[in-house]
Structures are given as C-alpha cells and as structure tokens.
C-alpha cells in the first residue's frame, strides 16, 4: 500500500529540521554568537527541510508536485506554529509569516524537483 505523500514528506522534513537544529545548537554552544542573530540560519534550516520534504512528497505523489509541496509547506508551518504556541505561548508573528513564505516556496520547489526525480 502506498503511504501518504504528505505524511512521508512531513517525516523527512522534520528529520532534516531536527538534524539542522542540532547542528546549529552545537555551533551556538561552541561560539559566542548571540542567539538573536540566528533568524536567517533558522529560516535556512527550515527551507532546506521543506525542500527535502517537498521533494519526497512530490516524488511519492506522482503528479502536481508544486501542489503537494506547497500543501506540505502549509502543514509544516501550522505544526511549527502549534508547537510554539503550546510550548512557549508564542502568537503569530512576522517571523512566523516569514517561515510560512519560506516553507510554501521551498516546499513547492521541492515538489517540482521531486516530480522530476521520478523514473
């Protein structure tokens, strides 16, 4: 049975996000770069995670890769926002809006790449 393209993409995206976050945390631990200056790095990590997740989702979907990748980006943004809201009582901010834009665009691009990776 074929698994859901969105679920598979979300699993891969979360795995890459966790790996990127761990790497960034180790860099933060070993340097004295202020934590507040890492917004660009955070968006880059989320963008790479969405590119990979979108590619997986697009490859497994068999069609409309941009749609599946963009939908994955929307789901990913909602999941990240919900975690921030429940864990830190964080509302929807301009940083979250930036994440939504990056996630939607990177997910859609990844979905298009994933469709073209299919044999």
N, C-alpha and C. Protein backbone atom coordinates (compact mmCIF):
# COMPACT_ATOMS: atom_id res chain seq x y z
N UNK A 1 0.84 -1.19 0.00
CA UNK A 1 0.00 0.00 0.00
C UNK A 1 0.88 1.24 0.00
N UNK A 2 0.53 2.21 -0.82
CA UNK A 2 1.29 3.44 -0.95
C UNK A 2 0.99 4.36 0.23
N UNK A 3 2.05 4.84 0.88
CA UNK A 3 1.84 5.74 2.02
C UNK A 3 1.48 7.14 1.51
N UNK A 4 0.95 7.94 2.40
CA UNK A 4 0.55 9.30 2.06
C UNK A 4 1.78 10.14 1.69
N UNK A 5 1.76 10.82 0.54
CA UNK A 5 2.90 11.65 0.16
C UNK A 5 3.14 12.79 1.15
N UNK A 6 2.06 13.35 1.68
CA UNK A 6 2.22 14.45 2.63
C UNK A 6 2.83 13.98 3.95
N UNK A 7 2.40 12.83 4.43
CA UNK A 7 2.95 12.31 5.68
C UNK A 7 4.43 11.96 5.51
N UNK A 8 4.76 11.31 4.39
CA UNK A 8 6.17 10.95 4.15
C UNK A 8 7.03 12.21 4.04
N UNK A 9 6.53 13.21 3.33
CA UNK A 9 7.27 14.47 3.21
C UNK A 9 7.44 15.16 4.55
N UNK A 10 6.40 15.12 5.38
CA UNK A 10 6.47 15.74 6.70
C UNK A 10 7.48 15.03 7.59
N UNK A 11 7.53 13.71 7.51
CA UNK A 11 8.51 12.94 8.30
C UNK A 11 9.93 13.32 7.89
N UNK A 12 10.19 13.36 6.58
CA UNK A 12 11.53 13.73 6.11
C UNK A 12 11.86 15.18 6.48
N UNK A 13 10.90 16.08 6.35
CA UNK A 13 11.14 17.48 6.68
C UNK A 13 11.47 17.65 8.15
N UNK A 14 10.74 16.97 9.01
CA UNK A 14 11.00 17.07 10.45
C UNK A 14 12.37 16.48 10.79
N UNK A 15 12.73 15.37 10.13
CA UNK A 15 14.04 14.75 10.38
C UNK A 15 15.16 15.71 9.98
N UNK A 16 15.05 16.35 8.82
CA UNK A 16 16.08 17.30 8.40
C UNK A 16 16.08 18.54 9.28
N UNK A 17 14.91 18.98 9.72
CA UNK A 17 14.85 20.14 10.60
C UNK A 17 15.53 19.83 11.94
N UNK A 18 15.28 18.63 12.48
CA UNK A 18 15.91 18.25 13.74
C UNK A 18 17.43 18.15 13.60
N UNK A 19 17.90 17.58 12.49
CA UNK A 19 19.35 17.48 12.26
C UNK A 19 19.97 18.87 12.12
N UNK A 20 19.30 19.75 11.38
CA UNK A 20 19.81 21.12 11.23
C UNK A 20 19.80 21.89 12.53
N UNK A 21 18.77 21.69 13.33
CA UNK A 21 18.68 22.36 14.62
C UNK A 21 19.77 21.87 15.57
N UNK A 22 20.03 20.57 15.55
CA UNK A 22 21.10 20.02 16.38
C UNK A 22 22.45 20.60 15.96
N UNK A 23 22.71 20.67 14.66
CA UNK A 23 23.96 21.24 14.17
C UNK A 23 24.09 22.71 14.56
N UNK A 24 23.02 23.47 14.40
CA UNK A 24 23.03 24.89 14.78
C UNK A 24 23.24 25.05 16.28
N UNK A 25 22.65 24.18 17.08
CA UNK A 25 22.83 24.24 18.53
C UNK A 25 24.28 23.97 18.92
N UNK A 26 24.90 23.03 18.24
CA UNK A 26 26.32 22.75 18.51
C UNK A 26 27.21 23.92 18.13
N UNK A 27 26.88 24.58 17.02
CA UNK A 27 27.64 25.77 16.63
C UNK A 27 27.43 26.88 17.66
N UNK A 28 26.20 27.07 18.12
CA UNK A 28 25.92 28.08 19.15
C UNK A 28 26.67 27.78 20.44
N UNK A 29 26.74 26.50 20.79
CA UNK A 29 27.42 26.10 22.01
C UNK A 29 28.91 26.37 21.94
N UNK A 30 29.51 26.18 20.75
CA UNK A 30 30.94 26.33 20.60
C UNK A 30 31.41 27.74 20.28
N UNK A 31 30.50 28.65 20.04
CA UNK A 31 30.88 30.04 19.71
C UNK A 31 30.15 30.99 20.65
N UNK A 32 30.50 32.26 20.56
CA UNK A 32 29.77 33.24 21.36
C UNK A 32 28.95 34.17 20.44
N UNK A 33 28.38 33.59 19.39
CA UNK A 33 27.47 34.34 18.52
C UNK A 33 26.15 34.48 19.27
N UNK A 34 25.60 35.71 19.33
CA UNK A 34 24.33 35.88 20.05
C UNK A 34 23.19 35.11 19.39
N UNK A 35 22.35 34.54 20.20
CA UNK A 35 21.24 33.71 19.73
C UNK A 35 20.25 34.49 18.89
N UNK A 36 20.10 35.78 19.16
CA UNK A 36 19.10 36.59 18.45
C UNK A 36 19.49 36.84 17.00
N UNK A 37 20.75 36.61 16.64
CA UNK A 37 21.19 36.87 15.27
C UNK A 37 21.04 35.65 14.36
N UNK A 38 20.34 34.62 14.80
CA UNK A 38 20.23 33.37 14.07
C UNK A 38 18.94 33.22 13.28
N UNK A 39 18.18 34.28 13.08
CA UNK A 39 16.92 34.17 12.34
C UNK A 39 17.16 33.68 10.91
N UNK A 40 18.17 34.22 10.25
CA UNK A 40 18.48 33.78 8.88
C UNK A 40 18.87 32.32 8.82
N UNK A 41 19.67 31.88 9.78
CA UNK A 41 20.07 30.47 9.82
C UNK A 41 18.86 29.58 10.10
N UNK A 42 17.98 30.03 10.95
CA UNK A 42 16.77 29.27 11.25
C UNK A 42 15.89 29.12 10.01
N UNK A 43 15.70 30.21 9.29
CA UNK A 43 14.90 30.14 8.07
C UNK A 43 15.58 29.27 7.01
N UNK A 44 16.91 29.29 6.96
CA UNK A 44 17.65 28.44 6.03
C UNK A 44 17.44 26.96 6.37
N UNK A 45 17.51 26.63 7.65
CA UNK A 45 17.29 25.24 8.09
C UNK A 45 15.88 24.79 7.73
N UNK A 46 14.89 25.62 8.01
CA UNK A 46 13.51 25.28 7.66
C UNK A 46 13.35 25.17 6.14
N UNK A 47 14.01 26.04 5.40
CA UNK A 47 13.92 26.00 3.94
C UNK A 47 14.50 24.71 3.36
N UNK A 48 15.65 24.29 3.87
CA UNK A 48 16.26 23.04 3.41
C UNK A 48 15.37 21.86 3.78
N UNK A 49 14.84 21.88 5.00
CA UNK A 49 13.95 20.80 5.43
C UNK A 49 12.72 20.73 4.53
N UNK A 50 12.18 21.87 4.15
CA UNK A 50 10.99 21.87 3.29
C UNK A 50 11.33 21.48 1.86
N UNK A 51 12.53 21.84 1.39
CA UNK A 51 12.95 21.44 0.06
C UNK A 51 13.03 19.92 -0.03
N UNK A 52 13.64 19.30 0.98
CA UNK A 52 13.75 17.84 1.02
C UNK A 52 12.36 17.20 1.19
N UNK A 53 11.58 17.71 2.14
CA UNK A 53 10.24 17.17 2.37
C UNK A 53 9.35 17.33 1.15
N UNK A 54 9.45 18.47 0.47
CA UNK A 54 8.67 18.69 -0.74
C UNK A 54 9.08 17.75 -1.86
N UNK A 55 10.40 17.48 -1.97
CA UNK A 55 10.88 16.55 -2.99
C UNK A 55 10.35 15.14 -2.73
N UNK A 56 10.37 14.72 -1.48
CA UNK A 56 9.84 13.40 -1.13
C UNK A 56 8.34 13.35 -1.41
N UNK A 57 7.64 14.38 -1.02
CA UNK A 57 6.19 14.43 -1.23
C UNK A 57 5.86 14.44 -2.72
N UNK A 58 6.59 15.24 -3.49
CA UNK A 58 6.34 15.31 -4.92
C UNK A 58 6.65 14.00 -5.62
N UNK A 59 7.75 13.37 -5.23
CA UNK A 59 8.13 12.10 -5.85
C UNK A 59 7.09 11.02 -5.58
N UNK A 60 6.57 10.98 -4.35
CA UNK A 60 5.58 9.96 -4.00
C UNK A 60 4.18 10.26 -4.52
N UNK A 61 3.91 11.52 -4.83
CA UNK A 61 2.56 11.87 -5.27
C UNK A 61 2.27 11.44 -6.69
N UNK A 62 3.26 11.49 -7.55
CA UNK A 62 3.05 11.09 -8.93
C UNK A 62 2.54 12.20 -9.83
N UNK A 63 2.17 13.32 -9.29
CA UNK A 63 1.67 14.45 -10.09
C UNK A 63 1.43 15.66 -9.21
N UNK A 64 1.38 16.82 -9.84
CA UNK A 64 1.16 18.09 -9.14
C UNK A 64 2.13 18.26 -7.96
N UNK A 65 3.40 18.16 -8.25
CA UNK A 65 4.42 18.27 -7.20
C UNK A 65 4.40 19.61 -6.49
N UNK A 66 4.18 20.68 -7.24
CA UNK A 66 4.15 22.00 -6.62
C UNK A 66 3.00 22.09 -5.61
N UNK A 67 1.88 21.47 -5.95
CA UNK A 67 0.71 21.49 -5.06
C UNK A 67 0.99 20.71 -3.78
N UNK A 68 1.51 19.48 -3.93
CA UNK A 68 1.80 18.67 -2.76
C UNK A 68 2.90 19.30 -1.90
N UNK A 69 3.93 19.87 -2.53
CA UNK A 69 4.99 20.54 -1.79
C UNK A 69 4.49 21.79 -1.07
N UNK A 70 3.67 22.58 -1.75
CA UNK A 70 3.10 23.78 -1.13
C UNK A 70 2.17 23.44 0.02
N UNK A 71 1.36 22.40 -0.17
CA UNK A 71 0.47 21.95 0.90
C UNK A 71 1.29 21.44 2.09
N UNK A 72 2.38 20.76 1.81
CA UNK A 72 3.28 20.31 2.87
C UNK A 72 3.86 21.52 3.61
N UNK A 73 4.23 22.56 2.87
CA UNK A 73 4.74 23.78 3.50
C UNK A 73 3.73 24.42 4.44
N UNK A 74 2.46 24.42 4.02
CA UNK A 74 1.40 24.96 4.87
C UNK A 74 1.22 24.11 6.13
N UNK A 75 1.22 22.78 5.94
CA UNK A 75 1.08 21.88 7.10
C UNK A 75 2.26 22.05 8.06
N UNK A 76 3.46 22.13 7.52
CA UNK A 76 4.67 22.29 8.32
C UNK A 76 4.61 23.59 9.14
N UNK A 77 4.16 24.66 8.49
CA UNK A 77 4.04 25.94 9.20
C UNK A 77 3.04 25.85 10.34
N UNK A 78 1.92 25.19 10.10
CA UNK A 78 0.91 25.04 11.15
C UNK A 78 1.47 24.21 12.31
N UNK A 79 2.20 23.14 12.00
CA UNK A 79 2.78 22.30 13.05
C UNK A 79 3.79 23.09 13.87
N UNK A 80 4.68 23.83 13.20
CA UNK A 80 5.69 24.63 13.92
C UNK A 80 5.01 25.71 14.76
N UNK A 81 3.98 26.35 14.20
CA UNK A 81 3.26 27.38 14.95
C UNK A 81 2.57 26.78 16.17
N UNK A 82 1.94 25.62 15.99
CA UNK A 82 1.24 24.98 17.11
C UNK A 82 2.22 24.59 18.23
N UNK A 83 3.39 24.09 17.87
CA UNK A 83 4.39 23.74 18.88
C UNK A 83 4.83 25.00 19.62
N UNK A 84 5.09 26.07 18.87
CA UNK A 84 5.48 27.33 19.51
C UNK A 84 4.38 27.90 20.39
N UNK A 85 3.15 27.77 19.94
CA UNK A 85 2.02 28.29 20.72
C UNK A 85 1.81 27.49 21.99
N UNK A 86 1.84 26.16 21.86
CA UNK A 86 1.58 25.31 23.03
C UNK A 86 2.75 25.29 24.01
N UNK A 87 3.98 25.32 23.51
CA UNK A 87 5.14 25.22 24.39
C UNK A 87 5.57 26.57 24.96
N UNK A 88 5.48 27.62 24.15
CA UNK A 88 6.02 28.92 24.57
C UNK A 88 4.99 30.03 24.59
N UNK A 89 3.72 29.71 24.33
CA UNK A 89 2.65 30.70 24.28
C UNK A 89 2.96 31.81 23.27
N UNK A 90 3.62 31.42 22.17
CA UNK A 90 4.00 32.38 21.13
C UNK A 90 2.85 32.56 20.15
N UNK A 91 2.53 33.79 19.85
CA UNK A 91 1.49 34.08 18.88
C UNK A 91 2.03 34.07 17.47
N UNK A 92 1.19 34.45 16.52
CA UNK A 92 1.61 34.53 15.12
C UNK A 92 2.34 35.85 14.94
N UNK A 93 3.61 35.79 14.54
CA UNK A 93 4.45 36.99 14.43
C UNK A 93 4.95 37.16 13.00
N UNK A 94 5.71 38.24 12.78
CA UNK A 94 6.28 38.44 11.44
C UNK A 94 7.32 37.38 11.12
N UNK A 95 7.99 36.84 12.14
CA UNK A 95 8.94 35.75 11.91
C UNK A 95 8.21 34.49 11.45
N UNK A 96 7.04 34.23 12.02
CA UNK A 96 6.25 33.08 11.62
C UNK A 96 5.71 33.28 10.20
N UNK A 97 5.37 34.51 9.86
CA UNK A 97 4.93 34.81 8.50
C UNK A 97 6.09 34.57 7.52
N UNK A 98 7.31 34.97 7.92
CA UNK A 98 8.48 34.70 7.09
C UNK A 98 8.70 33.21 6.91
N UNK A 99 8.52 32.45 7.99
CA UNK A 99 8.64 30.99 7.91
C UNK A 99 7.59 30.42 6.96
N UNK A 100 6.37 30.94 7.03
CA UNK A 100 5.30 30.46 6.15
C UNK A 100 5.66 30.69 4.69
N UNK A 101 6.19 31.86 4.36
CA UNK A 101 6.58 32.15 2.98
C UNK A 101 7.69 31.22 2.53
N UNK A 102 8.73 31.06 3.37
CA UNK A 102 9.85 30.18 3.03
C UNK A 102 9.36 28.74 2.88
N UNK A 103 8.52 28.29 3.79
CA UNK A 103 8.04 26.90 3.75
C UNK A 103 7.19 26.64 2.51
N UNK A 104 6.31 27.56 2.18
CA UNK A 104 5.47 27.37 0.99
C UNK A 104 6.29 27.35 -0.29
N UNK A 105 7.21 28.31 -0.42
CA UNK A 105 8.02 28.38 -1.64
C UNK A 105 8.99 27.21 -1.75
N UNK A 106 9.69 26.90 -0.66
CA UNK A 106 10.65 25.80 -0.69
C UNK A 106 9.94 24.46 -0.87
N UNK A 107 8.80 24.29 -0.24
CA UNK A 107 8.03 23.07 -0.40
C UNK A 107 7.54 22.88 -1.82
N UNK A 108 7.04 23.95 -2.43
CA UNK A 108 6.56 23.88 -3.81
C UNK A 108 7.72 23.59 -4.76
N UNK A 109 8.86 24.25 -4.56
CA UNK A 109 10.03 23.99 -5.39
C UNK A 109 10.51 22.55 -5.22
N UNK A 110 10.55 22.09 -3.98
CA UNK A 110 10.93 20.70 -3.71
C UNK A 110 9.98 19.72 -4.36
N UNK A 111 8.69 20.03 -4.35
CA UNK A 111 7.71 19.17 -5.00
C UNK A 111 7.94 19.08 -6.50
N UNK A 112 8.28 20.21 -7.12
CA UNK A 112 8.57 20.20 -8.55
C UNK A 112 9.83 19.38 -8.85
N UNK A 113 10.82 19.50 -7.98
CA UNK A 113 12.04 18.72 -8.15
C UNK A 113 11.73 17.23 -7.96
N UNK A 114 10.91 16.92 -6.96
CA UNK A 114 10.56 15.53 -6.68
C UNK A 114 9.84 14.85 -7.83
N UNK A 115 8.95 15.57 -8.49
CA UNK A 115 8.23 15.00 -9.65
C UNK A 115 9.23 14.63 -10.74
N UNK A 116 10.24 15.47 -10.92
CA UNK A 116 11.23 15.22 -11.97
C UNK A 116 12.26 14.16 -11.58
N UNK A 117 12.29 13.76 -10.31
CA UNK A 117 13.19 12.70 -9.88
C UNK A 117 12.58 11.33 -10.11
N UNK A 118 11.30 11.30 -10.38
CA UNK A 118 10.60 10.03 -10.59
C UNK A 118 11.08 9.38 -11.89
N UNK A 119 11.27 8.07 -11.86
CA UNK A 119 11.76 7.38 -13.07
C UNK A 119 10.62 6.98 -13.96
